[in-house]
Amino acid sequence: MVSYWLKRIAYWMLPHGVYEYARGWNYKALWFYLRNRALFSVNVKLKDIHKGKRCFVMGGGPSLNKLDLLPLKNEIVFCLSNGFLHKDYPAIQPRYHCTTQVNYDEIITESLMLSYFKEIERKASRTELFLGAFENQLAKGHGIFKDYTVHCLCFGGKFMHGEKSIPDISGVIPAPQSAPLVAIMVAMYMGFKEIYLIGTDYDTIITREYKYAYGPTIFQGKDFAVDHSGKAVTSYGEDFKIFGILWSQFEVLQHIAKANGIKICNASGGGILDVFERVDYRSLFPRNDSGN
């Protein structure tokens, strides 16, 4: 109730431009950053470590199963969320694993996240992790990821249209709505000049189903937007709002990429993400490196 009235007072008392700029920031995360800056400042060592190279961001959409992923064993790959469940994961051995910010509630609990972290430990042993600040603290407090290289990210900012600077992952970065956004921000900071997205479908609004390229995940039945069978239960109106925010965030990163000479392409075998140029995944491997 106090929070509600503070927001209403800010809405009526602050100039519109100031109010619009101020809202959307995660002030809890900002306060955490101010008290733990050393936790994030070490990420500066990642600046431009892959300068001029290309990478692949592997989402979990069904279109992933239309692609021969084995050539990725010779590429730098960012795995997302539950990608370690994919049948080709052991062969690919992704270099990095990214998770997005988590909004804890009675469904997505700390206990559930701990189970997820333990699953990563069992199935993704050779990867470097990028975790949000609070997820990092949760894992560390329970002795998880002791043998991993973990990079902590502060998701406290907001996506600003017109921005041209690459998000500085050693400081405060925009709070993303989806894991591919995390990987793109990290990849740009690392100096990659070509970023290819695969398995980033985002076509739930059309199919009315939420499916993965692999079996059930630990979060099965935990999404308010779908039922236990994966059928969407949200209205089109709700979906339009969610997808509008998501598309807007991708557009901000596309603008930043173009301003810095970075090429982001959608090489997925399907889906509706149209913010980035479409390319044929097979054309990226003139020689079949899978050995087939």
C-alpha atoms as a PDB file:
ATOM      1  CA  MET A   1       0.000   0.000   0.000  1.00  0.00           C
ATOM      2  CA  VAL A   2       2.854   2.387   0.855  1.00  0.00           C
ATOM      3  CA  SER A   3       4.555   1.565  -2.429  1.00  0.00           C
ATOM      4  CA  TYR A   4       1.318   2.243  -4.309  1.00  0.00           C
ATOM      5  CA  TRP A   5       0.872   5.699  -2.804  1.00  0.00           C
ATOM      6  CA  LEU A   6       4.522   6.614  -3.339  1.00  0.00           C
ATOM      7  CA  LYS A   7       4.081   5.781  -7.029  1.00  0.00           C
ATOM      8  CA  ARG A   8       0.882   7.834  -7.239  1.00  0.00           C
ATOM      9  CA  ILE A   9       2.542  10.829  -5.550  1.00  0.00           C
ATOM     10  CA  ALA A  10       5.517  10.567  -7.920  1.00  0.00           C
ATOM     11  CA  TYR A  11       3.161  10.391 -10.906  1.00  0.00           C
ATOM     12  CA  TRP A  12       1.356  13.612  -9.972  1.00  0.00           C
ATOM     13  CA  MET A  13       4.235  15.599  -8.472  1.00  0.00           C
ATOM     14  CA  LEU A  14       7.158  14.902 -10.807  1.00  0.00           C
ATOM     15  CA  PRO A  15       7.489  16.437 -14.298  1.00  0.00           C
ATOM     16  CA  HIS A  16       6.371  13.881 -16.890  1.00  0.00           C
ATOM     17  CA  GLY A  17       9.836  13.481 -18.395  1.00  0.00           C
ATOM     18  CA  VAL A  18      11.427  12.892 -14.996  1.00  0.00           C
ATOM     19  CA  TYR A  19       8.707  10.424 -14.013  1.00  0.00           C
ATOM     20  CA  GLU A  20       9.060   8.434 -17.247  1.00  0.00           C
ATOM     21  CA  TYR A  21      12.840   8.286 -16.824  1.00  0.00           C
ATOM     22  CA  ALA A  22      12.649   7.258 -13.161  1.00  0.00           C
ATOM     23  CA  ARG A  23      10.110   4.486 -13.513  1.00  0.00           C
ATOM     24  CA  GLY A  24      11.285   1.107 -14.702  1.00  0.00           C
ATOM     25  CA  TRP A  25      14.535   1.143 -12.752  1.00  0.00           C
ATOM     26  CA  ASN A  26      15.033  -1.613 -10.189  1.00  0.00           C
ATOM     27  CA  TYR A  27      15.948   0.414  -7.134  1.00  0.00           C
ATOM     28  CA  LYS A  28      16.488  -2.668  -4.984  1.00  0.00           C
ATOM     29  CA  ALA A  29      19.119  -3.834  -7.485  1.00  0.00           C
ATOM     30  CA  LEU A  30      20.650  -0.351  -7.649  1.00  0.00           C
ATOM     31  CA  TRP A  31      21.007  -0.248  -3.876  1.00  0.00           C
ATOM     32  CA  PHE A  32      22.597  -3.714  -3.952  1.00  0.00           C
ATOM     33  CA  TYR A  33      25.037  -2.489  -6.599  1.00  0.00           C
ATOM     34  CA  LEU A  34      26.083   0.539  -4.544  1.00  0.00           C
ATOM     35  CA  ARG A  35      26.880  -1.712  -1.595  1.00  0.00           C
ATOM     36  CA  ASN A  36      28.633  -4.434  -3.655  1.00  0.00           C
ATOM     37  CA  ARG A  37      30.318  -2.684  -6.558  1.00  0.00           C
ATOM     38  CA  ALA A  38      33.411  -4.902  -6.378  1.00  0.00           C
ATOM     39  CA  LEU A  39      31.207  -7.895  -7.201  1.00  0.00           C
ATOM     40  CA  PHE A  40      30.443  -6.409 -10.622  1.00  0.00           C
ATOM     41  CA  SER A  41      33.559  -4.359 -11.378  1.00  0.00           C
ATOM     42  CA  VAL A  42      35.603  -7.539 -11.981  1.00  0.00           C
ATOM     43  CA  ASN A  43      33.608  -8.020 -15.193  1.00  0.00           C
ATOM     44  CA  VAL A  44      35.765  -5.335 -16.787  1.00  0.00           C
ATOM     45  CA  LYS A  45      38.253  -8.119 -17.545  1.00  0.00           C
ATOM     46  CA  LEU A  46      35.719  -9.452 -20.057  1.00  0.00           C
ATOM     47  CA  LYS A  47      35.790  -6.277 -22.142  1.00  0.00           C
ATOM     48  CA  ASP A  48      36.624  -7.114 -25.780  1.00  0.00           C
ATOM     49  CA  ILE A  49      38.086 -10.554 -24.941  1.00  0.00           C
ATOM     50  CA  HIS A  50      36.468 -11.912 -28.135  1.00  0.00           C
ATOM     51  CA  LYS A  51      37.001  -8.807 -30.227  1.00  0.00           C
ATOM     52  CA  GLY A  52      36.060  -9.251 -33.876  1.00  0.00           C
ATOM     53  CA  LYS A  53      34.801 -12.841 -33.502  1.00  0.00           C
ATOM     54  CA  ARG A  54      31.377 -14.374 -33.991  1.00  0.00           C
ATOM     55  CA  CYS A  55      29.168 -16.246 -31.552  1.00  0.00           C
ATOM     56  CA  PHE A  56      25.863 -18.108 -31.382  1.00  0.00           C
ATOM     57  CA  VAL A  57      23.075 -17.549 -28.868  1.00  0.00           C
ATOM     58  CA  MET A  58      21.164 -20.810 -28.438  1.00  0.00           C
ATOM     59  CA  GLY A  59      17.568 -20.353 -27.329  1.00  0.00           C
ATOM     60  CA  GLY A  60      15.208 -23.211 -26.573  1.00  0.00           C
ATOM     61  CA  GLY A  61      12.508 -22.800 -29.224  1.00  0.00           C
ATOM     62  CA  PRO A  62      11.283 -25.826 -31.248  1.00  0.00           C
ATOM     63  CA  SER A  63      12.909 -24.437 -34.413  1.00  0.00           C
ATOM     64  CA  LEU A  64      16.229 -25.521 -32.898  1.00  0.00           C
ATOM     65  CA  ASN A  65      15.379 -29.083 -33.869  1.00  0.00           C
ATOM     66  CA  LYS A  66      15.312 -28.107 -37.540  1.00  0.00           C
ATOM     67  CA  LEU A  67      19.029 -27.326 -37.427  1.00  0.00           C
ATOM     68  CA  ASP A  68      22.153 -29.448 -37.413  1.00  0.00           C
ATOM     69  CA  LEU A  69      23.785 -28.147 -34.251  1.00  0.00           C
ATOM     70  CA  LEU A  70      26.941 -30.250 -34.367  1.00  0.00           C
ATOM     71  CA  PRO A  71      28.994 -27.607 -36.249  1.00  0.00           C
ATOM     72  CA  LEU A  72      28.578 -25.446 -33.139  1.00  0.00           C
ATOM     73  CA  LYS A  73      31.178 -27.574 -31.368  1.00  0.00           C
ATOM     74  CA  ASN A  74      33.742 -25.400 -33.154  1.00  0.00           C
ATOM     75  CA  GLU A  75      32.009 -22.117 -32.270  1.00  0.00           C
ATOM     76  CA  ILE A  76      31.595 -19.928 -29.194  1.00  0.00           C
ATOM     77  CA  VAL A  77      28.077 -20.611 -27.952  1.00  0.00           C
ATOM     78  CA  PHE A  78      25.914 -18.943 -25.318  1.00  0.00           C
ATOM     79  CA  CYS A  79      23.457 -21.449 -23.887  1.00  0.00           C
ATOM     80  CA  LEU A  80      20.296 -20.093 -22.260  1.00  0.00           C
ATOM     81  CA  SER A  81      18.008 -21.214 -19.469  1.00  0.00           C
ATOM     82  CA  ASN A  82      17.515 -25.009 -19.808  1.00  0.00           C
ATOM     83  CA  GLY A  83      19.545 -25.502 -22.978  1.00  0.00           C
ATOM     84  CA  PHE A  84      21.656 -28.148 -21.250  1.00  0.00           C
ATOM     85  CA  LEU A  85      18.681 -30.497 -21.734  1.00  0.00           C
ATOM     86  CA  HIS A  86      19.121 -30.530 -25.514  1.00  0.00           C
ATOM     87  CA  LYS A  87      20.343 -33.867 -26.890  1.00  0.00           C
ATOM     88  CA  ASP A  88      23.296 -32.215 -28.660  1.00  0.00           C
ATOM     89  CA  TYR A  89      24.468 -30.220 -25.647  1.00  0.00           C
ATOM     90  CA  PRO A  90      27.243 -32.703 -24.665  1.00  0.00           C
ATOM     91  CA  ALA A  91      28.706 -32.531 -28.178  1.00  0.00           C
ATOM     92  CA  ILE A  92      28.493 -28.742 -28.437  1.00  0.00           C
ATOM     93  CA  GLN A  93      29.796 -27.934 -24.939  1.00  0.00           C
ATOM     94  CA  PRO A  94      28.713 -24.247 -24.921  1.00  0.00           C
ATOM     95  CA  ARG A  95      31.293 -21.818 -23.555  1.00  0.00           C
ATOM     96  CA  TYR A  96      28.818 -19.640 -21.646  1.00  0.00           C
ATOM     97  CA  HIS A  97      25.457 -20.009 -19.906  1.00  0.00           C
ATOM     98  CA  CYS A  98      23.142 -17.056 -19.254  1.00  0.00           C
ATOM     99  CA  THR A  99      20.065 -16.721 -17.085  1.00  0.00           C
ATOM    100  CA  THR A 100      17.779 -13.725 -16.826  1.00  0.00           C
ATOM    101  CA  GLN A 101      16.425 -11.934 -13.765  1.00  0.00           C
ATOM    102  CA  VAL A 102      13.919 -13.833 -11.656  1.00  0.00           C
ATOM    103  CA  ASN A 103      10.778 -12.470 -10.054  1.00  0.00           C
ATOM    104  CA  TYR A 104      10.184 -14.683  -7.038  1.00  0.00           C
ATOM    105  CA  ASP A 105       6.635 -15.488  -5.963  1.00  0.00           C
ATOM    106  CA  GLU A 106       4.635 -18.411  -4.604  1.00  0.00           C
ATOM    107  CA  ILE A 107       5.290 -20.345  -7.846  1.00  0.00           C
ATOM    108  CA  ILE A 108       8.893 -19.480  -8.747  1.00  0.00           C
ATOM    109  CA  THR A 109      10.411 -19.950  -5.306  1.00  0.00           C
ATOM    110  CA  GLU A 110      13.989 -19.881  -4.063  1.00  0.00           C
ATOM    111  CA  SER A 111      13.703 -23.631  -3.485  1.00  0.00           C
ATOM    112  CA  LEU A 112      12.794 -24.176  -7.143  1.00  0.00           C
ATOM    113  CA  MET A 113      15.706 -22.019  -8.292  1.00  0.00           C
ATOM    114  CA  LEU A 114      18.102 -23.983  -6.100  1.00  0.00           C
ATOM    115  CA  SER A 115      16.919 -27.201  -7.764  1.00  0.00           C
ATOM    116  CA  TYR A 116      17.529 -25.540 -11.146  1.00  0.00           C
ATOM    117  CA  PHE A 117      21.055 -24.497 -10.130  1.00  0.00           C
ATOM    118  CA  LYS A 118      21.857 -28.022  -9.010  1.00  0.00           C
ATOM    119  CA  GLU A 119      20.665 -29.316 -12.387  1.00  0.00           C
ATOM    120  CA  ILE A 120      23.064 -26.928 -14.107  1.00  0.00           C
ATOM    121  CA  GLU A 121      25.860 -28.264 -11.908  1.00  0.00           C
ATOM    122  CA  ARG A 122      25.086 -31.823 -12.987  1.00  0.00           C
ATOM    123  CA  LYS A 123      24.677 -31.203 -16.706  1.00  0.00           C
ATOM    124  CA  ALA A 124      26.698 -28.093 -17.662  1.00  0.00           C
ATOM    125  CA  SER A 125      30.041 -28.612 -15.970  1.00  0.00           C
ATOM    126  CA  ARG A 126      32.335 -26.872 -18.480  1.00  0.00           C
ATOM    127  CA  THR A 127      30.513 -23.582 -18.854  1.00  0.00           C
ATOM    128  CA  GLU A 128      31.004 -20.082 -17.444  1.00  0.00           C
ATOM    129  CA  LEU A 129      27.881 -18.663 -15.847  1.00  0.00           C
ATOM    130  CA  PHE A 130      26.247 -15.258 -15.982  1.00  0.00           C
ATOM    131  CA  LEU A 131      23.808 -14.831 -13.103  1.00  0.00           C
ATOM    132  CA  GLY A 132      21.777 -11.939 -11.763  1.00  0.00           C
ATOM    133  CA  ALA A 133      23.006 -10.490  -8.475  1.00  0.00           C
ATOM    134  CA  PHE A 134      20.312 -12.062  -6.319  1.00  0.00           C
ATOM    135  CA  GLU A 135      20.591 -15.469  -8.012  1.00  0.00           C
ATOM    136  CA  ASN A 136      24.344 -15.365  -7.464  1.00  0.00           C
ATOM    137  CA  GLN A 137      23.830 -14.652  -3.761  1.00  0.00           C
ATOM    138  CA  LEU A 138      21.273 -17.445  -3.497  1.00  0.00           C
ATOM    139  CA  ALA A 139      23.571 -20.007  -5.123  1.00  0.00           C
ATOM    140  CA  LYS A 140      26.599 -18.891  -3.137  1.00  0.00           C
ATOM    141  CA  GLY A 141      24.668 -19.064   0.125  1.00  0.00           C
ATOM    142  CA  HIS A 142      23.932 -22.748  -0.515  1.00  0.00           C
ATOM    143  CA  GLY A 143      27.406 -23.715  -1.708  1.00  0.00           C
ATOM    144  CA  ILE A 144      26.384 -24.121  -5.344  1.00  0.00           C
ATOM    145  CA  PHE A 145      28.741 -23.352  -8.276  1.00  0.00           C
ATOM    146  CA  LYS A 146      31.856 -23.423  -6.069  1.00  0.00           C
ATOM    147  CA  ASP A 147      33.870 -24.946  -8.928  1.00  0.00           C
ATOM    148  CA  TYR A 148      32.438 -22.657 -11.626  1.00  0.00           C
ATOM    149  CA  THR A 149      33.480 -19.334 -13.044  1.00  0.00           C
ATOM    150  CA  VAL A 150      30.495 -17.132 -12.224  1.00  0.00           C
ATOM    151  CA  HIS A 151      30.033 -13.598 -13.536  1.00  0.00           C
ATOM    152  CA  CYS A 152      27.553 -11.514 -11.569  1.00  0.00           C
ATOM    153  CA  LEU A 153      25.271  -9.039 -13.381  1.00  0.00           C
ATOM    154  CA  CYS A 154      23.264  -6.154 -11.947  1.00  0.00           C
ATOM    155  CA  PHE A 155      19.892  -5.951 -13.707  1.00  0.00           C
ATOM    156  CA  GLY A 156      18.920  -2.570 -12.332  1.00  0.00           C
ATOM    157  CA  GLY A 157      18.583  -0.309 -15.370  1.00  0.00           C
ATOM    158  CA  LYS A 158      16.054   0.181 -18.147  1.00  0.00           C
ATOM    159  CA  PHE A 159      16.187  -0.046 -21.926  1.00  0.00           C
ATOM    160  CA  MET A 160      16.412   3.467 -23.360  1.00  0.00           C
ATOM    161  CA  HIS A 161      15.467   4.146 -26.977  1.00  0.00           C
ATOM    162  CA  GLY A 162      18.139   6.161 -28.737  1.00  0.00           C
ATOM    163  CA  GLU A 163      20.939   4.717 -26.615  1.00  0.00           C
ATOM    164  CA  LYS A 164      24.126   4.007 -28.590  1.00  0.00           C
ATOM    165  CA  SER A 165      26.542   2.790 -25.924  1.00  0.00           C
ATOM    166  CA  ILE A 166      27.082  -0.913 -25.331  1.00  0.00           C
ATOM    167  CA  PRO A 167      25.758  -1.857 -21.866  1.00  0.00           C
ATOM    168  CA  ASP A 168      28.634  -2.013 -19.382  1.00  0.00           C
ATOM    169  CA  ILE A 169      28.300  -5.347 -17.586  1.00  0.00           C
ATOM    170  CA  SER A 170      30.778  -4.166 -14.952  1.00  0.00           C
ATOM    171  CA  GLY A 171      28.094  -1.713 -13.832  1.00  0.00           C
ATOM    172  CA  VAL A 172      24.306  -1.530 -13.949  1.00  0.00           C
ATOM    173  CA  ILE A 173      22.648  -2.884 -17.095  1.00  0.00           C
ATOM    174  CA  PRO A 174      19.021  -2.913 -18.297  1.00  0.00           C
ATOM    175  CA  ALA A 175      16.710  -5.477 -16.730  1.00  0.00           C
ATOM    176  CA  PRO A 176      15.806  -7.889 -19.575  1.00  0.00           C
ATOM    177  CA  GLN A 177      12.538  -9.700 -20.111  1.00  0.00           C
ATOM    178  CA  SER A 178      14.155 -12.737 -21.741  1.00  0.00           C
ATOM    179  CA  ALA A 179      17.483 -14.583 -21.567  1.00  0.00           C
ATOM    180  CA  PRO A 180      18.615 -13.880 -25.188  1.00  0.00           C
ATOM    181  CA  LEU A 181      18.755 -10.193 -24.271  1.00  0.00           C
ATOM    182  CA  VAL A 182      21.263 -11.022 -21.532  1.00  0.00           C
ATOM    183  CA  ALA A 183      23.457 -12.978 -23.934  1.00  0.00           C
ATOM    184  CA  ILE A 184      23.367 -10.201 -26.533  1.00  0.00           C
ATOM    185  CA  MET A 185      24.436  -7.559 -23.997  1.00  0.00           C
ATOM    186  CA  VAL A 186      27.264  -9.754 -22.723  1.00  0.00           C
ATOM    187  CA  ALA A 187      28.373 -10.685 -26.258  1.00  0.00           C
ATOM    188  CA  MET A 188      28.519  -7.045 -27.368  1.00  0.00           C
ATOM    189  CA  TYR A 189      30.588  -6.143 -24.295  1.00  0.00           C
ATOM    190  CA  MET A 190      32.971  -9.017 -25.062  1.00  0.00           C
ATOM    191  CA  GLY A 191      33.638  -7.543 -28.498  1.00  0.00           C
ATOM    192  CA  PHE A 192      31.823 -10.010 -30.761  1.00  0.00           C
ATOM    193  CA  LYS A 193      31.112  -8.436 -34.149  1.00  0.00           C
ATOM    194  CA  GLU A 194      28.685 -11.106 -35.369  1.00  0.00           C
ATOM    195  CA  ILE A 195      25.961 -12.509 -33.114  1.00  0.00           C
ATOM    196  CA  TYR A 196      23.672 -15.226 -34.477  1.00  0.00           C
ATOM    197  CA  LEU A 197      20.450 -16.171 -32.703  1.00  0.00           C
ATOM    198  CA  ILE A 198      19.051 -19.689 -33.015  1.00  0.00           C
ATOM    199  CA  GLY A 199      16.006 -21.196 -31.342  1.00  0.00           C
ATOM    200  CA  THR A 200      14.633 -17.751 -30.514  1.00  0.00           C
ATOM    201  CA  ASP A 201      11.109 -18.334 -31.788  1.00  0.00           C
ATOM    202  CA  TYR A 202       8.731 -16.214 -29.663  1.00  0.00           C
ATOM    203  CA  ASP A 203       5.720 -17.442 -31.605  1.00  0.00           C
ATOM    204  CA  THR A 204       3.495 -18.337 -28.646  1.00  0.00           C
ATOM    205  CA  ILE A 205       1.211 -15.469 -29.555  1.00  0.00           C
ATOM    206  CA  ILE A 206       0.448 -17.302 -32.830  1.00  0.00           C
ATOM    207  CA  THR A 207       0.665 -20.976 -31.891  1.00  0.00           C
ATOM    208  CA  ARG A 208      -0.915 -20.442 -28.439  1.00  0.00           C
ATOM    209  CA  GLU A 209       1.530 -23.078 -27.189  1.00  0.00           C
ATOM    210  CA  TYR A 210       4.769 -22.787 -25.231  1.00  0.00           C
ATOM    211  CA  LYS A 211       7.134 -25.545 -26.323  1.00  0.00           C
ATOM    212  CA  TYR A 212      10.842 -26.264 -26.115  1.00  0.00           C
ATOM    213  CA  ALA A 213      13.308 -28.086 -28.340  1.00  0.00           C
ATOM    214  CA  TYR A 214      13.843 -30.562 -25.513  1.00  0.00           C
ATOM    215  CA  GLY A 215      11.898 -32.454 -22.852  1.00  0.00           C
ATOM    216  CA  PRO A 216      10.089 -31.028 -19.838  1.00  0.00           C
ATOM    217  CA  THR A 217      12.059 -28.614 -17.675  1.00  0.00           C
ATOM    218  CA  ILE A 218      12.059 -28.139 -13.935  1.00  0.00           C
ATOM    219  CA  PHE A 219       9.793 -25.133 -14.517  1.00  0.00           C
ATOM    220  CA  GLN A 220       7.122 -27.206 -16.280  1.00  0.00           C
ATOM    221  CA  GLY A 221       3.706 -25.968 -15.122  1.00  0.00           C
ATOM    222  CA  LYS A 222       5.236 -23.019 -13.257  1.00  0.00           C
ATOM    223  CA  ASP A 223       4.459 -20.321 -15.832  1.00  0.00           C
ATOM    224  CA  PHE A 224       1.317 -18.280 -15.139  1.00  0.00           C
ATOM    225  CA  ALA A 225       0.841 -17.779 -18.899  1.00  0.00           C
ATOM    226  CA  VAL A 226       0.376 -21.470 -19.772  1.00  0.00           C
ATOM    227  CA  ASP A 227      -1.316 -24.537 -18.351  1.00  0.00           C
ATOM    228  CA  HIS A 228       0.410 -27.853 -17.539  1.00  0.00           C
ATOM    229  CA  SER A 229       0.172 -29.011 -21.156  1.00  0.00           C
ATOM    230  CA  GLY A 230       1.844 -25.846 -22.433  1.00  0.00           C
ATOM    231  CA  LYS A 231      -1.292 -24.237 -23.822  1.00  0.00           C
ATOM    232  CA  ALA A 232      -1.468 -20.450 -23.462  1.00  0.00           C
ATOM    233  CA  VAL A 233      -4.034 -19.215 -20.945  1.00  0.00           C
ATOM    234  CA  THR A 234      -3.392 -15.491 -21.296  1.00  0.00           C
ATOM    235  CA  SER A 235      -5.534 -13.239 -23.475  1.00  0.00           C
ATOM    236  CA  TYR A 236      -4.266 -11.707 -26.693  1.00  0.00           C
ATOM    237  CA  GLY A 237      -4.400  -8.342 -24.936  1.00  0.00           C
ATOM    238  CA  GLU A 238      -2.029  -9.542 -22.233  1.00  0.00           C
ATOM    239  CA  ASP A 239       0.251 -11.123 -24.819  1.00  0.00           C
ATOM    240  CA  PHE A 240       0.377  -7.943 -26.904  1.00  0.00           C
ATOM    241  CA  LYS A 241       1.611  -6.007 -23.866  1.00  0.00           C
ATOM    242  CA  ILE A 242       4.264  -8.612 -23.018  1.00  0.00           C
ATOM    243  CA  PHE A 243       5.485  -8.986 -26.597  1.00  0.00           C
ATOM    244  CA  GLY A 244       5.451  -5.214 -27.084  1.00  0.00           C
ATOM    245  CA  ILE A 245       7.895  -4.757 -24.206  1.00  0.00           C
ATOM    246  CA  LEU A 246      10.049  -7.650 -25.404  1.00  0.00           C
ATOM    247  CA  TRP A 247      10.232  -6.373 -28.987  1.00  0.00           C
ATOM    248  CA  SER A 248      11.067  -2.888 -27.702  1.00  0.00           C
ATOM    249  CA  GLN A 249      14.017  -4.271 -25.734  1.00  0.00           C
ATOM    250  CA  PHE A 250      15.328  -6.149 -28.758  1.00  0.00           C
ATOM    251  CA  GLU A 251      14.977  -2.961 -30.837  1.00  0.00           C
ATOM    252  CA  VAL A 252      17.081  -1.006 -28.333  1.00  0.00           C
ATOM    253  CA  LEU A 253      19.882  -3.572 -28.575  1.00  0.00           C
ATOM    254  CA  GLN A 254      19.633  -3.635 -32.370  1.00  0.00           C
ATOM    255  CA  HIS A 255      20.058   0.155 -32.437  1.00  0.00           C
ATOM    256  CA  ILE A 256      23.107  -0.113 -30.163  1.00  0.00           C
ATOM    257  CA  ALA A 257      24.567  -2.896 -32.307  1.00  0.00           C
ATOM    258  CA  LYS A 258      24.245  -0.881 -35.515  1.00  0.00           C
ATOM    259  CA  ALA A 259      25.802   2.158 -33.844  1.00  0.00           C
ATOM    260  CA  ASN A 260      28.833   0.043 -32.944  1.00  0.00           C
ATOM    261  CA  GLY A 261      29.240  -1.913 -36.171  1.00  0.00           C
ATOM    262  CA  ILE A 262      27.911  -5.141 -34.685  1.00  0.00           C
ATOM    263  CA  LYS A 263      25.847  -7.532 -36.785  1.00  0.00           C
ATOM    264  CA  ILE A 264      23.005  -9.387 -35.037  1.00  0.00           C
ATOM    265  CA  CYS A 265      21.144 -11.917 -37.181  1.00  0.00           C
ATOM    266  CA  ASN A 266      18.306 -14.339 -36.587  1.00  0.00           C
ATOM    267  CA  ALA A 267      19.414 -17.728 -37.890  1.00  0.00           C
ATOM    268  CA  SER A 268      16.538 -19.623 -36.278  1.00  0.00           C
ATOM    269  CA  GLY A 269      14.684 -22.091 -38.452  1.00  0.00           C
ATOM    270  CA  GLY A 270      11.347 -20.520 -37.573  1.00  0.00           C
ATOM    271  CA  GLY A 271       9.614 -18.198 -35.145  1.00  0.00           C
ATOM    272  CA  ILE A 272       8.450 -14.615 -35.585  1.00  0.00           C
ATOM    273  CA  LEU A 273      11.320 -12.509 -34.215  1.00  0.00           C
ATOM    274  CA  ASP A 274      11.692  -9.940 -36.997  1.00  0.00           C
ATOM    275  CA  VAL A 275      13.837  -7.293 -35.292  1.00  0.00           C
ATOM    276  CA  PHE A 276      17.011  -8.732 -36.778  1.00  0.00           C
ATOM    277  CA  GLU A 277      17.977  -9.701 -40.323  1.00  0.00           C
ATOM    278  CA  ARG A 278      17.155 -13.308 -41.170  1.00  0.00           C
ATOM    279  CA  VAL A 279      19.978 -15.534 -42.406  1.00  0.00           C
ATOM    280  CA  ASP A 280      20.091 -19.186 -43.444  1.00  0.00           C
ATOM    281  CA  TYR A 281      21.820 -21.086 -40.651  1.00  0.00           C
ATOM    282  CA  ARG A 282      23.350 -23.545 -43.118  1.00  0.00           C
ATOM    283  CA  SER A 283      25.028 -20.732 -45.038  1.00  0.00           C
ATOM    284  CA  LEU A 284      27.124 -19.972 -41.950  1.00  0.00           C
ATOM    285  CA  PHE A 285      28.922 -23.301 -42.356  1.00  0.00           C
ATOM    286  CA  PRO A 286      30.113 -23.617 -45.978  1.00  0.00           C
ATOM    287  CA  ARG A 287      31.804 -26.876 -45.027  1.00  0.00           C
ATOM    288  CA  ASN A 288      29.848 -29.382 -42.950  1.00  0.00           C
ATOM    289  CA  ASP A 289      31.877 -29.398 -39.721  1.00  0.00           C
ATOM    290  CA  SER A 290      29.659 -32.023 -38.094  1.00  0.00           C
ATOM    291  CA  GLY A 291      31.543 -34.690 -39.995  1.00  0.00           C
ATOM    292  CA  ASN A 292      28.417 -35.918 -41.840  1.00  0.00           C
END
